[in-house]
Structures are given as structure tokens and as C-alpha cells.
PDB file of N, CA and C in Angstrom:
ATOM      1  N   MET A   1      27.831   9.668   4.418  1.00  0.00           N
ATOM      2  CA  MET A   1      26.595  10.415   4.416  1.00  0.00           C
ATOM      3  C   MET A   1      25.415   9.461   4.517  1.00  0.00           C
ATOM      4  N   LYS A   2      24.305   9.985   4.971  1.00  0.00           N
ATOM      5  CA  LYS A   2      23.085   9.194   5.069  1.00  0.00           C
ATOM      6  C   LYS A   2      22.051   9.776   4.112  1.00  0.00           C
ATOM      7  N   TYR A   3      21.295   8.906   3.470  1.00  0.00           N
ATOM      8  CA  TYR A   3      20.269   9.326   2.524  1.00  0.00           C
ATOM      9  C   TYR A   3      18.947   8.662   2.865  1.00  0.00           C
ATOM     10  N   ASP A   4      17.858   9.370   2.650  1.00  0.00           N
ATOM     11  CA  ASP A   4      16.537   8.759   2.729  1.00  0.00           C
ATOM     12  C   ASP A   4      16.268   8.098   1.385  1.00  0.00           C
ATOM     13  N   VAL A   5      15.875   6.839   1.415  1.00  0.00           N
ATOM     14  CA  VAL A   5      15.583   6.101   0.188  1.00  0.00           C
ATOM     15  C   VAL A   5      14.158   5.575   0.275  1.00  0.00           C
ATOM     16  N   PHE A   6      13.348   5.902  -0.718  1.00  0.00           N
ATOM     17  CA  PHE A   6      11.948   5.498  -0.797  1.00  0.00           C
ATOM     18  C   PHE A   6      11.869   4.218  -1.623  1.00  0.00           C
ATOM     19  N   ILE A   7      11.233   3.174  -1.068  1.00  0.00           N
ATOM     20  CA  ILE A   7      11.065   1.898  -1.766  1.00  0.00           C
ATOM     21  C   ILE A   7       9.577   1.644  -1.933  1.00  0.00           C
ATOM     22  N   GLN A   8       9.164   1.375  -3.161  1.00  0.00           N
ATOM     23  CA  GLN A   8       7.756   1.096  -3.435  1.00  0.00           C
ATOM     24  C   GLN A   8       7.668  -0.163  -4.286  1.00  0.00           C
ATOM     25  N   GLU A   9       7.048  -1.199  -3.733  1.00  0.00           N
ATOM     26  CA  GLU A   9       6.815  -2.427  -4.482  1.00  0.00           C
ATOM     27  C   GLU A   9       5.371  -2.427  -4.967  1.00  0.00           C
ATOM     28  N   THR A  10       5.159  -2.986  -6.140  1.00  0.00           N
ATOM     29  CA  THR A  10       3.827  -2.993  -6.731  1.00  0.00           C
ATOM     30  C   THR A  10       3.337  -4.419  -6.929  1.00  0.00           C
ATOM     31  N   LEU A  11       2.120  -4.666  -6.457  1.00  0.00           N
ATOM     32  CA  LEU A  11       1.418  -5.919  -6.704  1.00  0.00           C
ATOM     33  C   LEU A  11       0.206  -5.575  -7.559  1.00  0.00           C
ATOM     34  N   SER A  12      -0.085  -6.384  -8.575  1.00  0.00           N
ATOM     35  CA  SER A  12      -1.268  -6.108  -9.385  1.00  0.00           C
ATOM     36  C   SER A  12      -1.826  -7.391  -9.967  1.00  0.00           C
ATOM     37  N   LYS A  13      -3.120  -7.348 -10.225  1.00  0.00           N
ATOM     38  CA  LYS A  13      -3.822  -8.510 -10.757  1.00  0.00           C
ATOM     39  C   LYS A  13      -5.030  -8.001 -11.533  1.00  0.00           C
ATOM     40  N   THR A  14      -5.364  -8.655 -12.628  1.00  0.00           N
ATOM     41  CA  THR A  14      -6.568  -8.337 -13.384  1.00  0.00           C
ATOM     42  C   THR A  14      -7.620  -9.387 -13.074  1.00  0.00           C
ATOM     43  N   ILE A  15      -8.800  -8.924 -12.691  1.00  0.00           N
ATOM     44  CA  ILE A  15      -9.912  -9.817 -12.371  1.00  0.00           C
ATOM     45  C   ILE A  15     -11.092  -9.423 -13.253  1.00  0.00           C
ATOM     46  N   THR A  16     -11.692 -10.386 -13.915  1.00  0.00           N
ATOM     47  CA  THR A  16     -12.843 -10.133 -14.774  1.00  0.00           C
ATOM     48  C   THR A  16     -14.123 -10.374 -13.991  1.00  0.00           C
ATOM     49  N   VAL A  17     -15.012  -9.384 -14.005  1.00  0.00           N
ATOM     50  CA  VAL A  17     -16.306  -9.505 -13.331  1.00  0.00           C
ATOM     51  C   VAL A  17     -17.404  -9.080 -14.296  1.00  0.00           C
ATOM     52  N   GLU A  18     -18.580  -9.594 -14.069  1.00  0.00           N
ATOM     53  CA  GLU A  18     -19.739  -9.170 -14.846  1.00  0.00           C
ATOM     54  C   GLU A  18     -20.488  -8.135 -14.021  1.00  0.00           C
ATOM     55  N   ALA A  19     -20.719  -6.959 -14.621  1.00  0.00           N
ATOM     56  CA  ALA A  19     -21.384  -5.868 -13.911  1.00  0.00           C
ATOM     57  C   ALA A  19     -22.138  -5.001 -14.913  1.00  0.00           C
ATOM     58  N   GLU A  20     -23.017  -4.166 -14.393  1.00  0.00           N
ATOM     59  CA  GLU A  20     -23.813  -3.265 -15.234  1.00  0.00           C
ATOM     60  C   GLU A  20     -22.990  -2.089 -15.771  1.00  0.00           C
ATOM     61  N   SER A  21     -21.945  -1.697 -15.027  1.00  0.00           N
ATOM     62  CA  SER A  21     -21.135  -0.546 -15.437  1.00  0.00           C
ATOM     63  C   SER A  21     -19.723  -0.672 -14.872  1.00  0.00           C
ATOM     64  N   ASN A  22     -18.847   0.185 -15.362  1.00  0.00           N
ATOM     65  CA  ASN A  22     -17.481   0.250 -14.854  1.00  0.00           C
ATOM     66  C   ASN A  22     -17.488   0.580 -13.360  1.00  0.00           C
ATOM     67  N   THR A  23     -18.349   1.501 -12.963  1.00  0.00           N
ATOM     68  CA  THR A  23     -18.460   1.892 -11.555  1.00  0.00           C
ATOM     69  C   THR A  23     -18.896   0.715 -10.695  1.00  0.00           C
ATOM     70  N   ASP A  24     -19.878  -0.044 -11.178  1.00  0.00           N
ATOM     71  CA  ASP A  24     -20.342  -1.225 -10.440  1.00  0.00           C
ATOM     72  C   ASP A  24     -19.240  -2.272 -10.334  1.00  0.00           C
ATOM     73  N   ALA A  25     -18.491  -2.467 -11.419  1.00  0.00           N
ATOM     74  CA  ALA A  25     -17.396  -3.445 -11.403  1.00  0.00           C
ATOM     75  C   ALA A  25     -16.351  -3.056 -10.362  1.00  0.00           C
ATOM     76  N   CYS A  26     -15.988  -1.783 -10.330  1.00  0.00           N
ATOM     77  CA  CYS A  26     -15.005  -1.311  -9.340  1.00  0.00           C
ATOM     78  C   CYS A  26     -15.535  -1.471  -7.924  1.00  0.00           C
ATOM     79  N   SER A  27     -16.807  -1.168  -7.725  1.00  0.00           N
ATOM     80  CA  SER A  27     -17.413  -1.314  -6.394  1.00  0.00           C
ATOM     81  C   SER A  27     -17.412  -2.768  -5.942  1.00  0.00           C
ATOM     82  N   MET A  28     -17.729  -3.673  -6.866  1.00  0.00           N
ATOM     83  CA  MET A  28     -17.741  -5.104  -6.532  1.00  0.00           C
ATOM     84  C   MET A  28     -16.354  -5.567  -6.104  1.00  0.00           C
ATOM     85  N   ILE A  29     -15.338  -5.187  -6.860  1.00  0.00           N
ATOM     86  CA  ILE A  29     -13.967  -5.603  -6.544  1.00  0.00           C
ATOM     87  C   ILE A  29     -13.506  -4.947  -5.247  1.00  0.00           C
ATOM     88  N   ARG A  30     -13.805  -3.672  -5.068  1.00  0.00           N
ATOM     89  CA  ARG A  30     -13.417  -2.972  -3.830  1.00  0.00           C
ATOM     90  C   ARG A  30     -13.995  -3.685  -2.610  1.00  0.00           C
ATOM     91  N   GLU A  31     -15.248  -4.112  -2.699  1.00  0.00           N
ATOM     92  CA  GLU A  31     -15.904  -4.820  -1.593  1.00  0.00           C
ATOM     93  C   GLU A  31     -15.238  -6.176  -1.334  1.00  0.00           C
ATOM     94  N   LYS A  32     -14.884  -6.885  -2.405  1.00  0.00           N
ATOM     95  CA  LYS A  32     -14.219  -8.186  -2.251  1.00  0.00           C
ATOM     96  C   LYS A  32     -12.838  -8.026  -1.602  1.00  0.00           C
ATOM     97  N   VAL A  33     -12.124  -6.979  -1.983  1.00  0.00           N
ATOM     98  CA  VAL A  33     -10.819  -6.709  -1.366  1.00  0.00           C
ATOM     99  C   VAL A  33     -11.010  -6.375   0.113  1.00  0.00           C
ATOM    100  N   LYS A  34     -11.976  -5.519   0.401  1.00  0.00           N
ATOM    101  CA  LYS A  34     -12.262  -5.118   1.783  1.00  0.00           C
ATOM    102  C   LYS A  34     -12.617  -6.320   2.651  1.00  0.00           C
ATOM    103  N   ASN A  35     -13.359  -7.269   2.098  1.00  0.00           N
ATOM    104  CA  ASN A  35     -13.791  -8.458   2.841  1.00  0.00           C
ATOM    105  C   ASN A  35     -12.748  -9.577   2.856  1.00  0.00           C
ATOM    106  N   GLY A  36     -11.604  -9.347   2.217  1.00  0.00           N
ATOM    107  CA  GLY A  36     -10.554 -10.359   2.208  1.00  0.00           C
ATOM    108  C   GLY A  36     -10.790 -11.484   1.222  1.00  0.00           C
ATOM    109  N   GLU A  37     -11.755 -11.321   0.319  1.00  0.00           N
ATOM    110  CA  GLU A  37     -12.016 -12.344  -0.693  1.00  0.00           C
ATOM    111  C   GLU A  37     -10.969 -12.303  -1.805  1.00  0.00           C
ATOM    112  N   ILE A  38     -10.359 -11.149  -1.999  1.00  0.00           N
ATOM    113  CA  ILE A  38      -9.270 -10.989  -2.961  1.00  0.00           C
ATOM    114  C   ILE A  38      -8.065 -10.480  -2.186  1.00  0.00           C
ATOM    115  N   VAL A  39      -6.988 -11.240  -2.220  1.00  0.00           N
ATOM    116  CA  VAL A  39      -5.753 -10.864  -1.532  1.00  0.00           C
ATOM    117  C   VAL A  39      -4.604 -11.056  -2.512  1.00  0.00           C
ATOM    118  N   LEU A  40      -3.838 -10.014  -2.720  1.00  0.00           N
ATOM    119  CA  LEU A  40      -2.682 -10.121  -3.604  1.00  0.00           C
ATOM    120  C   LEU A  40      -1.502 -10.688  -2.822  1.00  0.00           C
ATOM    121  N   SER A  41      -0.655 -11.424  -3.533  1.00  0.00           N
ATOM    122  CA  SER A  41       0.488 -12.081  -2.889  1.00  0.00           C
ATOM    123  C   SER A  41       1.757 -11.821  -3.697  1.00  0.00           C
ATOM    124  N   ALA A  42       2.840 -12.424  -3.275  1.00  0.00           N
ATOM    125  CA  ALA A  42       4.114 -12.277  -3.978  1.00  0.00           C
ATOM    126  C   ALA A  42       4.009 -12.730  -5.433  1.00  0.00           C
ATOM    127  N   ASP A  43       3.089 -13.626  -5.729  1.00  0.00           N
ATOM    128  CA  ASP A  43       2.888 -14.070  -7.111  1.00  0.00           C
ATOM    129  C   ASP A  43       2.371 -12.940  -8.003  1.00  0.00           C
ATOM    130  N   ASP A  44       1.817 -11.893  -7.399  1.00  0.00           N
ATOM    131  CA  ASP A  44       1.259 -10.764  -8.138  1.00  0.00           C
ATOM    132  C   ASP A  44       2.239  -9.588  -8.244  1.00  0.00           C
ATOM    133  N   TYR A  45       3.485  -9.813  -7.847  1.00  0.00           N
ATOM    134  CA  TYR A  45       4.521  -8.781  -7.878  1.00  0.00           C
ATOM    135  C   TYR A  45       4.772  -8.346  -9.316  1.00  0.00           C
ATOM    136  N   THR A  46       4.744  -7.029  -9.564  1.00  0.00           N
ATOM    137  CA  THR A  46       4.978  -6.526 -10.922  1.00  0.00           C
ATOM    138  C   THR A  46       6.128  -5.534 -11.014  1.00  0.00           C
ATOM    139  N   GLY A  47       6.715  -5.138  -9.891  1.00  0.00           N
ATOM    140  CA  GLY A  47       7.844  -4.233  -9.999  1.00  0.00           C
ATOM    141  C   GLY A  47       8.189  -3.523  -8.709  1.00  0.00           C
ATOM    142  N   CYS A  48       9.282  -2.765  -8.804  1.00  0.00           N
ATOM    143  CA  CYS A  48       9.793  -2.043  -7.641  1.00  0.00           C
ATOM    144  C   CYS A  48      10.415  -0.733  -8.113  1.00  0.00           C
ATOM    145  N   ARG A  49      10.162   0.334  -7.363  1.00  0.00           N
ATOM    146  CA  ARG A  49      10.806   1.628  -7.605  1.00  0.00           C
ATOM    147  C   ARG A  49      11.646   1.959  -6.388  1.00  0.00           C
ATOM    148  N   ILE A  50      12.849   2.437  -6.621  1.00  0.00           N
ATOM    149  CA  ILE A  50      13.713   2.889  -5.532  1.00  0.00           C
ATOM    150  C   ILE A  50      14.157   4.302  -5.885  1.00  0.00           C
ATOM    151  N   ILE A  51      13.833   5.244  -4.997  1.00  0.00           N
ATOM    152  CA  ILE A  51      14.131   6.646  -5.256  1.00  0.00           C
ATOM    153  C   ILE A  51      14.931   7.196  -4.084  1.00  0.00           C
ATOM    154  N   THR A  52      16.076   7.812  -4.376  1.00  0.00           N
ATOM    155  CA  THR A  52      16.894   8.435  -3.343  1.00  0.00           C
ATOM    156  C   THR A  52      16.474   9.888  -3.194  1.00  0.00           C
ATOM    157  N   ALA A  53      16.258  10.313  -1.967  1.00  0.00           N
ATOM    158  CA  ALA A  53      15.911  11.713  -1.699  1.00  0.00           C
ATOM    159  C   ALA A  53      17.079  12.604  -2.092  1.00  0.00           C
ATOM    160  N   GLN A  54      16.793  13.843  -2.401  1.00  0.00           N
ATOM    161  CA  GLN A  54      17.834  14.774  -2.834  1.00  0.00           C
ATOM    162  C   GLN A  54      18.749  15.226  -1.696  1.00  0.00           C
ATOM    163  N   LYS A  55      18.260  15.168  -0.457  1.00  0.00           N
ATOM    164  CA  LYS A  55      19.072  15.677   0.646  1.00  0.00           C
ATOM    165  C   LYS A  55      19.909  14.565   1.274  1.00  0.00           C
ATOM    166  N   ALA A  56      21.078  14.937   1.725  1.00  0.00           N
ATOM    167  CA  ALA A  56      21.973  14.014   2.413  1.00  0.00           C
ATOM    168  C   ALA A  56      22.163  14.512   3.836  1.00  0.00           C
ATOM    169  N   TYR A  57      22.451  13.592   4.739  1.00  0.00           N
ATOM    170  CA  TYR A  57      22.665  13.926   6.144  1.00  0.00           C
ATOM    171  C   TYR A  57      24.114  13.654   6.501  1.00  0.00           C
ATOM    172  N   GLY A  58      24.731  14.580   7.212  1.00  0.00           N
ATOM    173  CA  GLY A  58      26.092  14.361   7.689  1.00  0.00           C
ATOM    174  C   GLY A  58      27.095  14.420   6.558  1.00  0.00           C
ATOM    175  N   SER A  59      28.246  13.840   6.805  1.00  0.00           N
ATOM    176  CA  SER A  59      29.292  13.766   5.785  1.00  0.00           C
ATOM    177  C   SER A  59      30.037  12.465   5.969  1.00  0.00           C
ATOM    178  N   GLU A  60      30.884  12.154   5.027  1.00  0.00           N
ATOM    179  CA  GLU A  60      31.648  10.906   5.134  1.00  0.00           C
ATOM    180  C   GLU A  60      32.587  10.937   6.337  1.00  0.00           C
ATOM    181  N   ASP A  61      33.067  12.132   6.703  1.00  0.00           N
ATOM    182  CA  ASP A  61      33.963  12.254   7.851  1.00  0.00           C
ATOM    183  C   ASP A  61      33.209  12.237   9.179  1.00  0.00           C
ATOM    184  N   ASN A  62      31.942  12.662   9.154  1.00  0.00           N
ATOM    185  CA  ASN A  62      31.166  12.796  10.383  1.00  0.00           C
ATOM    186  C   ASN A  62      29.791  12.179  10.177  1.00  0.00           C
ATOM    187  N   GLU A  63      29.647  10.879  10.418  1.00  0.00           N
ATOM    188  CA  GLU A  63      28.369  10.184  10.242  1.00  0.00           C
ATOM    189  C   GLU A  63      27.415  10.594  11.349  1.00  0.00           C
ATOM    190  N   ASP A  64      26.181  10.983  10.998  1.00  0.00           N
ATOM    191  CA  ASP A  64      25.155  11.340  11.987  1.00  0.00           C
ATOM    192  C   ASP A  64      24.287  10.150  12.288  1.00  0.00           C
TER     193      ASP A  64
END
């Protein structure tokens, strides 16, 4: 049988910025990410989720 499998890897990093508000801090970081000033890499890997879809395709006797 064939199954659809969803793979999601997560990269994350905490960056401290000085700003007037939480909204301003998020805007500053969003702009830096957009401009390529902040780029996450394999060093920022924090986990992986693997989820198998509920539906199967074909059968063991007849592979599609």
C-alpha cells in the first residue's frame, strides 16, 4: 500500500531586540528576516513531526 506522509521540520531561534512595544519588536524582526539579515540554519533545528495520512492507496497485492 502507499501512504501520504507529512514531514515538518522546525527551525527556531530567540533574538533579543530593544523596541517600544511587542508589536514593534515583531515588526523589526520580520523586516530583518525579509531582508535576509536573519537566516535560520541547521544549527537552529528544534524538531521534526512525521504524520501518516489516514488513507491508503492500493493494496499489498496491487501496488498503484
